[in-house]
């Protein structure tokens, strides 16, 4: 996969992080529909990529500390598994405003890459089943496709089974 872009758009912090790391990636832009019920499913459909290969970025609180979970859009986050993956006891979804403040991104466009503050990150183990996965590139309507190992390396993510369904 070469560094290239499909679609227009200025470089987001996520794209800058991937570029500075020197990894291979592609960006995919599509027209975001504000009425879309699921940002991730919208992205998968717009790009013609199976939903199991498009991952959403969720921010939770594990024992009071913000933690990032990256799971397929076709699944939901198992909060107990997330807590266990980072050595915690209890996880709840973070307040959306706290997630936006911490990441520097808006809900529906939160990328695991280039966040304002680096948080503990867990990438669902199913990512390893794909040569490349797509995650938000930091804006609704913009995805970045990269190797799961590169995403894990750039975010310091641990791989664990944290998705269900």
N, C-alpha and C. Protein backbone atom coordinates (compact mmCIF):
# COMPACT_ATOMS: atom_id res chain seq x y z
N UNK A 1 0.86 -1.17 0.00
CA UNK A 1 0.00 0.00 0.00
C UNK A 1 0.90 1.23 0.00
N UNK A 2 0.74 2.06 -0.96
CA UNK A 2 1.55 3.27 -1.05
C UNK A 2 0.86 4.41 -0.33
N UNK A 3 1.67 5.41 0.02
CA UNK A 3 1.07 6.59 0.63
C UNK A 3 0.37 7.36 -0.48
N UNK A 4 -0.92 7.39 -0.43
CA UNK A 4 -1.67 8.14 -1.42
C UNK A 4 -3.03 8.49 -0.88
N UNK A 5 -3.67 9.37 -1.57
CA UNK A 5 -4.97 9.84 -1.11
C UNK A 5 -6.01 9.61 -2.19
N UNK A 6 -7.16 9.14 -1.79
CA UNK A 6 -8.31 9.06 -2.68
C UNK A 6 -9.30 10.09 -2.17
N UNK A 7 -9.37 11.20 -2.82
CA UNK A 7 -10.27 12.26 -2.38
C UNK A 7 -9.49 13.45 -1.87
N UNK A 8 -10.19 14.53 -1.68
CA UNK A 8 -9.57 15.77 -1.25
C UNK A 8 -9.61 15.90 0.26
N UNK A 9 -8.85 16.82 0.77
CA UNK A 9 -8.91 17.09 2.20
C UNK A 9 -7.57 17.52 2.73
N UNK A 10 -7.61 18.40 3.70
CA UNK A 10 -6.37 18.83 4.32
C UNK A 10 -5.89 17.76 5.29
N UNK A 11 -4.62 17.80 5.57
CA UNK A 11 -4.04 16.80 6.47
C UNK A 11 -4.55 17.01 7.89
N UNK A 12 -5.11 15.97 8.44
CA UNK A 12 -5.56 15.99 9.83
C UNK A 12 -4.39 15.55 10.70
N UNK A 13 -4.47 15.72 12.02
CA UNK A 13 -3.40 15.21 12.88
C UNK A 13 -3.16 13.71 12.69
N UNK A 14 -4.20 12.94 12.37
CA UNK A 14 -4.04 11.51 12.14
C UNK A 14 -3.18 11.25 10.91
N UNK A 15 -3.43 11.98 9.84
CA UNK A 15 -2.66 11.81 8.61
C UNK A 15 -1.23 12.29 8.81
N UNK A 16 -1.07 13.39 9.54
CA UNK A 16 0.27 13.89 9.85
C UNK A 16 1.05 12.84 10.65
N UNK A 17 0.41 12.22 11.63
CA UNK A 17 1.07 11.20 12.45
C UNK A 17 1.52 10.01 11.60
N UNK A 18 0.65 9.55 10.70
CA UNK A 18 0.99 8.42 9.84
C UNK A 18 2.11 8.79 8.87
N UNK A 19 2.05 9.99 8.33
CA UNK A 19 3.08 10.45 7.39
C UNK A 19 4.43 10.57 8.09
N UNK A 20 4.43 11.19 9.27
CA UNK A 20 5.68 11.37 10.00
C UNK A 20 6.28 10.03 10.43
N UNK A 21 5.43 9.03 10.65
CA UNK A 21 5.92 7.70 11.04
C UNK A 21 6.50 6.93 9.86
N UNK A 22 6.22 7.41 8.66
CA UNK A 22 6.75 6.76 7.47
C UNK A 22 6.09 5.44 7.11
N UNK A 23 4.85 5.25 7.56
CA UNK A 23 4.15 3.99 7.25
C UNK A 23 3.38 4.12 5.94
N UNK A 24 3.04 2.98 5.36
CA UNK A 24 2.22 2.95 4.16
C UNK A 24 0.75 3.08 4.56
N UNK A 25 0.05 3.96 3.87
CA UNK A 25 -1.37 4.14 4.14
C UNK A 25 -2.04 4.76 2.93
N UNK A 26 -3.36 4.67 2.93
CA UNK A 26 -4.19 5.35 1.94
C UNK A 26 -5.28 6.09 2.69
N UNK A 27 -5.72 7.20 2.13
CA UNK A 27 -6.88 7.88 2.70
C UNK A 27 -8.04 7.72 1.72
N UNK A 28 -9.23 7.69 2.28
CA UNK A 28 -10.45 7.55 1.49
C UNK A 28 -11.43 8.62 1.97
N UNK A 29 -11.80 9.51 1.05
CA UNK A 29 -12.78 10.54 1.38
C UNK A 29 -14.12 10.18 0.75
N UNK A 30 -15.18 10.51 1.45
CA UNK A 30 -16.52 10.30 0.93
C UNK A 30 -17.40 11.42 1.49
N UNK A 31 -18.54 11.61 0.87
CA UNK A 31 -19.46 12.65 1.32
C UNK A 31 -20.25 12.12 2.51
N UNK A 32 -20.03 12.76 3.65
CA UNK A 32 -20.72 12.35 4.88
C UNK A 32 -22.15 12.85 4.87
N UNK A 33 -23.08 11.97 5.23
CA UNK A 33 -24.49 12.31 5.35
C UNK A 33 -24.79 12.61 6.81
N UNK A 34 -25.10 13.86 7.16
CA UNK A 34 -25.38 14.21 8.55
C UNK A 34 -26.52 13.40 9.17
N UNK A 35 -27.38 12.80 8.34
CA UNK A 35 -28.50 12.01 8.85
C UNK A 35 -28.11 10.55 9.09
N UNK A 36 -26.88 10.19 8.79
CA UNK A 36 -26.45 8.79 8.95
C UNK A 36 -26.57 8.37 10.41
N UNK A 37 -27.11 7.18 10.63
CA UNK A 37 -27.29 6.68 12.00
C UNK A 37 -26.01 6.08 12.56
N UNK A 38 -25.18 5.51 11.68
CA UNK A 38 -23.91 4.91 12.11
C UNK A 38 -22.80 5.44 11.21
N UNK A 39 -21.88 6.21 11.79
CA UNK A 39 -20.79 6.76 11.00
C UNK A 39 -19.94 5.65 10.38
N UNK A 40 -19.68 4.61 11.14
CA UNK A 40 -18.84 3.52 10.66
C UNK A 40 -19.48 2.73 9.53
N UNK A 41 -20.76 2.41 9.68
CA UNK A 41 -21.45 1.68 8.62
C UNK A 41 -21.56 2.54 7.37
N UNK A 42 -21.76 3.84 7.55
CA UNK A 42 -21.79 4.76 6.42
C UNK A 42 -20.45 4.72 5.69
N UNK A 43 -19.35 4.74 6.44
CA UNK A 43 -18.01 4.71 5.84
C UNK A 43 -17.80 3.41 5.07
N UNK A 44 -18.16 2.29 5.67
CA UNK A 44 -17.97 0.99 5.01
C UNK A 44 -18.74 0.94 3.69
N UNK A 45 -19.99 1.38 3.73
CA UNK A 45 -20.81 1.36 2.52
C UNK A 45 -20.25 2.30 1.46
N UNK A 46 -19.87 3.51 1.86
CA UNK A 46 -19.36 4.50 0.91
C UNK A 46 -18.07 4.04 0.24
N UNK A 47 -17.24 3.32 0.98
CA UNK A 47 -15.96 2.86 0.44
C UNK A 47 -16.04 1.49 -0.21
N UNK A 48 -17.17 0.78 -0.02
CA UNK A 48 -17.30 -0.56 -0.57
C UNK A 48 -16.40 -1.56 0.14
N UNK A 49 -16.22 -1.35 1.45
CA UNK A 49 -15.36 -2.20 2.26
C UNK A 49 -16.24 -2.98 3.25
N UNK A 50 -15.95 -4.27 3.48
CA UNK A 50 -16.76 -5.01 4.46
C UNK A 50 -16.70 -4.34 5.84
N UNK A 51 -17.83 -4.28 6.56
CA UNK A 51 -17.86 -3.63 7.87
C UNK A 51 -16.88 -4.22 8.87
N UNK A 52 -16.50 -5.50 8.69
CA UNK A 52 -15.55 -6.13 9.61
C UNK A 52 -14.14 -5.56 9.44
N UNK A 53 -13.92 -4.83 8.33
CA UNK A 53 -12.60 -4.27 8.03
C UNK A 53 -12.54 -2.77 8.34
N UNK A 54 -13.67 -2.19 8.69
CA UNK A 54 -13.73 -0.77 9.07
C UNK A 54 -13.91 -0.74 10.59
N UNK A 55 -13.03 -0.02 11.27
CA UNK A 55 -13.03 0.00 12.73
C UNK A 55 -13.41 1.37 13.25
N UNK A 56 -14.20 1.37 14.32
CA UNK A 56 -14.60 2.63 14.96
C UNK A 56 -13.73 2.84 16.19
N UNK A 57 -13.56 4.11 16.51
CA UNK A 57 -12.77 4.50 17.67
C UNK A 57 -13.73 4.95 18.76
N UNK A 58 -13.69 4.26 19.89
CA UNK A 58 -14.56 4.58 21.01
C UNK A 58 -13.70 4.97 22.21
N UNK A 59 -14.19 5.92 22.98
CA UNK A 59 -13.47 6.33 24.18
C UNK A 59 -14.30 5.94 25.39
N UNK A 60 -13.66 5.20 26.28
CA UNK A 60 -14.32 4.73 27.50
C UNK A 60 -13.50 5.20 28.69
N UNK A 61 -14.06 5.02 29.87
CA UNK A 61 -13.33 5.27 31.11
C UNK A 61 -13.14 3.93 31.79
N UNK A 62 -11.88 3.60 32.05
CA UNK A 62 -11.57 2.37 32.79
C UNK A 62 -11.04 2.81 34.14
N UNK A 63 -11.78 2.47 35.18
CA UNK A 63 -11.44 2.89 36.55
C UNK A 63 -11.17 4.40 36.61
N UNK A 64 -11.98 5.16 35.85
CA UNK A 64 -11.89 6.62 35.85
C UNK A 64 -10.90 7.22 34.87
N UNK A 65 -10.10 6.40 34.18
CA UNK A 65 -9.11 6.91 33.23
C UNK A 65 -9.59 6.69 31.80
N UNK A 66 -9.50 7.73 30.98
CA UNK A 66 -9.92 7.60 29.59
C UNK A 66 -9.05 6.56 28.88
N UNK A 67 -9.70 5.74 28.08
CA UNK A 67 -9.06 4.65 27.36
C UNK A 67 -9.72 4.54 25.99
N UNK A 68 -8.91 4.29 24.95
CA UNK A 68 -9.42 4.18 23.59
C UNK A 68 -9.59 2.71 23.23
N UNK A 69 -10.72 2.39 22.61
CA UNK A 69 -10.98 1.05 22.08
C UNK A 69 -11.24 1.19 20.59
N UNK A 70 -10.63 0.31 19.80
CA UNK A 70 -10.81 0.33 18.35
C UNK A 70 -11.39 -1.02 17.96
N UNK A 71 -12.66 -1.01 17.54
CA UNK A 71 -13.39 -2.25 17.25
C UNK A 71 -14.09 -2.16 15.89
N UNK A 72 -14.38 -3.31 15.27
CA UNK A 72 -15.08 -3.27 13.98
C UNK A 72 -16.43 -2.59 14.11
N UNK A 73 -16.83 -1.88 13.04
CA UNK A 73 -18.13 -1.20 13.08
C UNK A 73 -19.27 -2.21 13.11
N UNK A 74 -18.99 -3.45 12.72
CA UNK A 74 -20.01 -4.49 12.72
C UNK A 74 -20.22 -5.11 14.10
N UNK A 75 -19.46 -4.65 15.09
CA UNK A 75 -19.52 -5.21 16.44
C UNK A 75 -19.75 -4.11 17.46
N UNK A 76 -19.92 -4.52 18.71
CA UNK A 76 -20.00 -3.55 19.80
C UNK A 76 -18.84 -3.80 20.75
N UNK A 77 -18.60 -2.84 21.61
CA UNK A 77 -17.49 -2.92 22.56
C UNK A 77 -17.93 -3.69 23.80
N UNK A 78 -17.13 -4.66 24.19
CA UNK A 78 -17.34 -5.40 25.42
C UNK A 78 -16.57 -4.67 26.52
N UNK A 79 -17.28 -3.92 27.34
CA UNK A 79 -16.64 -3.07 28.36
C UNK A 79 -15.86 -3.88 29.39
N UNK A 80 -16.37 -5.05 29.76
CA UNK A 80 -15.64 -5.90 30.72
C UNK A 80 -14.32 -6.36 30.12
N UNK A 81 -14.33 -6.74 28.85
CA UNK A 81 -13.11 -7.19 28.18
C UNK A 81 -12.12 -6.04 28.05
N UNK A 82 -12.63 -4.83 27.79
CA UNK A 82 -11.75 -3.66 27.69
C UNK A 82 -11.06 -3.41 29.02
N UNK A 83 -11.82 -3.43 30.10
CA UNK A 83 -11.24 -3.21 31.42
C UNK A 83 -10.15 -4.26 31.69
N UNK A 84 -10.44 -5.51 31.40
CA UNK A 84 -9.46 -6.58 31.64
C UNK A 84 -8.21 -6.39 30.79
N UNK A 85 -8.39 -5.91 29.54
CA UNK A 85 -7.25 -5.75 28.63
C UNK A 85 -6.24 -4.72 29.11
N UNK A 86 -6.70 -3.76 29.91
CA UNK A 86 -5.78 -2.73 30.41
C UNK A 86 -5.54 -2.87 31.91
N UNK A 87 -5.93 -4.02 32.46
CA UNK A 87 -5.68 -4.28 33.87
C UNK A 87 -6.60 -3.54 34.81
N UNK A 88 -7.77 -3.16 34.32
CA UNK A 88 -8.73 -2.43 35.15
C UNK A 88 -9.85 -3.32 35.63
N UNK A 89 -10.73 -2.72 36.43
CA UNK A 89 -11.84 -3.47 37.00
C UNK A 89 -13.17 -3.13 36.35
N UNK A 90 -13.39 -1.84 36.04
CA UNK A 90 -14.70 -1.41 35.56
C UNK A 90 -14.54 -0.40 34.44
N UNK A 91 -15.32 -0.59 33.39
CA UNK A 91 -15.29 0.35 32.26
C UNK A 91 -16.71 0.83 31.96
N UNK A 92 -16.81 2.08 31.60
CA UNK A 92 -18.06 2.69 31.14
C UNK A 92 -17.70 3.58 29.95
N UNK A 93 -18.66 3.84 29.11
CA UNK A 93 -18.41 4.74 28.00
C UNK A 93 -18.14 6.15 28.54
N UNK A 94 -17.19 6.83 27.93
CA UNK A 94 -16.84 8.18 28.36
C UNK A 94 -17.90 9.17 27.89
N UNK A 95 -17.99 10.26 28.59
CA UNK A 95 -18.85 11.35 28.17
C UNK A 95 -18.35 11.83 26.81
N UNK A 96 -19.23 12.00 25.81
CA UNK A 96 -18.78 12.42 24.48
C UNK A 96 -17.96 13.73 24.50
N UNK A 97 -18.34 14.66 25.34
CA UNK A 97 -17.59 15.93 25.41
C UNK A 97 -16.17 15.69 25.93
N UNK A 98 -16.02 14.79 26.89
CA UNK A 98 -14.69 14.46 27.41
C UNK A 98 -13.85 13.77 26.33
N UNK A 99 -14.48 12.90 25.55
CA UNK A 99 -13.77 12.22 24.46
C UNK A 99 -13.30 13.23 23.42
N UNK A 100 -14.15 14.18 23.09
CA UNK A 100 -13.78 15.21 22.11
C UNK A 100 -12.66 16.10 22.64
N UNK A 101 -12.76 16.51 23.89
CA UNK A 101 -11.71 17.37 24.48
C UNK A 101 -10.36 16.65 24.51
N UNK A 102 -10.37 15.41 24.94
CA UNK A 102 -9.14 14.65 25.07
C UNK A 102 -8.50 14.35 23.72
N UNK A 103 -9.33 13.98 22.75
CA UNK A 103 -8.79 13.55 21.45
C UNK A 103 -8.49 14.72 20.52
N UNK A 104 -9.26 15.80 20.64
CA UNK A 104 -9.12 16.91 19.71
C UNK A 104 -9.97 16.72 18.46
N UNK A 105 -10.78 15.68 18.45
CA UNK A 105 -11.63 15.37 17.31
C UNK A 105 -13.10 15.44 17.72
N UNK A 106 -14.00 15.55 16.70
CA UNK A 106 -15.43 15.53 17.00
C UNK A 106 -15.95 14.10 16.93
N UNK A 107 -17.01 13.83 17.68
CA UNK A 107 -17.64 12.51 17.69
C UNK A 107 -18.01 12.13 16.26
N UNK A 108 -17.71 10.90 15.91
CA UNK A 108 -17.94 10.45 14.54
C UNK A 108 -16.71 10.65 13.67
N UNK A 109 -15.73 11.38 14.20
CA UNK A 109 -14.49 11.61 13.47
C UNK A 109 -13.28 11.38 14.34
N UNK A 110 -13.47 10.75 15.50
CA UNK A 110 -12.34 10.51 16.41
C UNK A 110 -11.46 9.42 15.81
N UNK A 111 -10.21 9.76 15.65
CA UNK A 111 -9.23 8.81 15.13
C UNK A 111 -8.37 8.30 16.28
N UNK A 112 -7.90 7.06 16.20
CA UNK A 112 -6.96 6.59 17.22
C UNK A 112 -5.58 7.22 17.03
N UNK A 113 -5.35 7.81 15.87
CA UNK A 113 -4.05 8.43 15.54
C UNK A 113 -4.10 9.94 15.77
N UNK A 114 -3.00 10.50 16.20
CA UNK A 114 -2.87 11.96 16.28
C UNK A 114 -3.75 12.62 17.32
N UNK A 115 -4.10 11.89 18.37
CA UNK A 115 -4.92 12.50 19.41
C UNK A 115 -4.11 13.51 20.21
N UNK A 116 -4.80 14.51 20.75
CA UNK A 116 -4.14 15.53 21.58
C UNK A 116 -3.34 14.92 22.71
N UNK A 117 -3.96 13.96 23.39
CA UNK A 117 -3.33 13.30 24.52
C UNK A 117 -3.32 11.80 24.23
N UNK A 118 -2.15 11.20 24.29
CA UNK A 118 -2.06 9.76 24.02
C UNK A 118 -2.67 8.99 25.19
N UNK A 119 -3.65 8.19 24.89
CA UNK A 119 -4.36 7.41 25.89
C UNK A 119 -4.04 5.94 25.72
N UNK A 120 -4.22 5.16 26.79
CA UNK A 120 -4.10 3.71 26.62
C UNK A 120 -5.07 3.28 25.52
N UNK A 121 -4.60 2.43 24.63
CA UNK A 121 -5.41 2.03 23.47
C UNK A 121 -5.44 0.52 23.35
N UNK A 122 -6.63 -0.01 23.03
CA UNK A 122 -6.81 -1.44 22.81
C UNK A 122 -7.42 -1.61 21.42
N UNK A 123 -6.73 -2.38 20.58
CA UNK A 123 -7.21 -2.70 19.24
C UNK A 123 -7.77 -4.12 19.29
N UNK A 124 -9.02 -4.27 18.81
CA UNK A 124 -9.61 -5.60 18.84
C UNK A 124 -8.76 -6.58 18.05
N UNK A 125 -8.58 -7.76 18.62
CA UNK A 125 -7.71 -8.78 18.02
C UNK A 125 -8.15 -9.18 16.62
N UNK A 126 -9.41 -8.99 16.27
CA UNK A 126 -9.88 -9.36 14.93
C UNK A 126 -9.20 -8.55 13.84
N UNK A 127 -8.59 -7.44 14.18
CA UNK A 127 -7.89 -6.62 13.19
C UNK A 127 -6.78 -7.42 12.51
N UNK A 128 -6.20 -8.36 13.24
CA UNK A 128 -5.10 -9.16 12.70
C UNK A 128 -5.55 -10.08 11.57
N UNK A 129 -6.85 -10.25 11.40
CA UNK A 129 -7.37 -11.10 10.33
C UNK A 129 -7.32 -10.42 8.97
N UNK A 130 -7.00 -9.13 8.94
CA UNK A 130 -7.02 -8.34 7.70
C UNK A 130 -5.64 -7.77 7.40
N UNK A 131 -5.25 -7.73 6.13
CA UNK A 131 -3.96 -7.12 5.79
C UNK A 131 -3.98 -5.61 6.06
N UNK A 132 -5.17 -5.01 5.93
CA UNK A 132 -5.33 -3.58 6.19
C UNK A 132 -6.72 -3.35 6.77
N UNK A 133 -6.83 -2.33 7.62
CA UNK A 133 -8.12 -1.92 8.17
C UNK A 133 -8.26 -0.43 7.96
N UNK A 134 -9.49 0.05 8.06
CA UNK A 134 -9.77 1.48 7.94
C UNK A 134 -10.23 2.00 9.29
N UNK A 135 -9.72 3.17 9.65
CA UNK A 135 -10.17 3.88 10.86
C UNK A 135 -10.38 5.33 10.46
N UNK A 136 -11.05 6.07 11.29
CA UNK A 136 -11.26 7.48 10.99
C UNK A 136 -9.91 8.19 10.87
N UNK A 137 -9.84 9.07 9.90
CA UNK A 137 -8.63 9.87 9.71
C UNK A 137 -8.74 11.21 10.42
N UNK A 138 -9.76 11.35 11.26
CA UNK A 138 -9.87 12.57 12.06
C UNK A 138 -10.97 13.52 11.65
N UNK A 139 -11.82 13.08 10.75
CA UNK A 139 -12.92 13.93 10.30
C UNK A 139 -14.01 13.02 9.73
N UNK A 140 -15.25 13.36 9.96
CA UNK A 140 -16.34 12.61 9.36
C UNK A 140 -16.17 12.68 7.85
N UNK A 141 -16.27 11.52 7.21
CA UNK A 141 -16.11 11.49 5.75
C UNK A 141 -14.68 11.28 5.29
N UNK A 142 -13.78 10.93 6.21
CA UNK A 142 -12.38 10.70 5.83
C UNK A 142 -11.85 9.53 6.65
N UNK A 143 -11.38 8.50 5.95
CA UNK A 143 -10.84 7.29 6.58
C UNK A 143 -9.39 7.10 6.16
N UNK A 144 -8.64 6.45 7.02
CA UNK A 144 -7.27 6.08 6.70
C UNK A 144 -7.17 4.56 6.75
N UNK A 145 -6.58 4.00 5.70
CA UNK A 145 -6.41 2.55 5.60
C UNK A 145 -4.94 2.23 5.85
N UNK A 146 -4.69 1.32 6.78
CA UNK A 146 -3.32 0.97 7.14
C UNK A 146 -3.26 -0.43 7.71
N UNK A 147 -2.07 -0.96 7.82
CA UNK A 147 -1.89 -2.29 8.38
C UNK A 147 -2.19 -2.25 9.88
N UNK A 148 -2.88 -3.26 10.40
CA UNK A 148 -3.18 -3.28 11.84
C UNK A 148 -1.93 -3.18 12.71
N UNK A 149 -0.84 -3.81 12.29
CA UNK A 149 0.40 -3.75 13.07
C UNK A 149 0.93 -2.32 13.14
N UNK A 150 0.78 -1.56 12.05
CA UNK A 150 1.22 -0.17 12.05
C UNK A 150 0.35 0.67 12.98
N UNK A 151 -0.96 0.43 12.96
CA UNK A 151 -1.86 1.15 13.86
C UNK A 151 -1.49 0.85 15.31
N UNK A 152 -1.26 -0.42 15.62
CA UNK A 152 -0.91 -0.80 16.99
C UNK A 152 0.41 -0.15 17.40
N UNK A 153 1.38 -0.14 16.50
CA UNK A 153 2.69 0.45 16.82
C UNK A 153 2.57 1.96 17.05
N UNK A 154 1.82 2.63 16.20
CA UNK A 154 1.71 4.10 16.31
C UNK A 154 0.93 4.55 17.54
N UNK A 155 0.00 3.73 18.00
CA UNK A 155 -0.82 4.11 19.16
C UNK A 155 -0.35 3.47 20.44
N UNK A 156 0.57 2.53 20.34
CA UNK A 156 0.99 1.77 21.52
C UNK A 156 -0.10 0.84 21.99
N UNK A 157 -0.96 0.42 21.06
CA UNK A 157 -2.12 -0.38 21.42
C UNK A 157 -1.74 -1.81 21.78
N UNK A 158 -2.52 -2.36 22.69
CA UNK A 158 -2.47 -3.79 22.95
C UNK A 158 -3.58 -4.41 22.12
N UNK A 159 -3.35 -5.62 21.65
CA UNK A 159 -4.37 -6.34 20.90
C UNK A 159 -5.07 -7.30 21.86
N UNK A 160 -6.38 -7.23 21.88
CA UNK A 160 -7.17 -8.09 22.77
C UNK A 160 -8.57 -8.23 22.19
N UNK A 161 -9.24 -9.33 22.49
CA UNK A 161 -10.62 -9.51 22.01
C UNK A 161 -11.58 -8.65 22.83
N UNK A 162 -11.88 -7.45 22.35
CA UNK A 162 -12.75 -6.53 23.09
C UNK A 162 -14.07 -6.24 22.35
N UNK A 163 -14.26 -6.88 21.19
CA UNK A 163 -15.50 -6.68 20.44
C UNK A 163 -16.41 -7.88 20.66
N UNK A 164 -17.69 -7.64 20.57
CA UNK A 164 -18.66 -8.73 20.63
C UNK A 164 -19.74 -8.48 19.57
N UNK A 165 -20.35 -9.58 19.13
CA UNK A 165 -21.43 -9.45 18.18
C UNK A 165 -20.92 -9.54 16.82
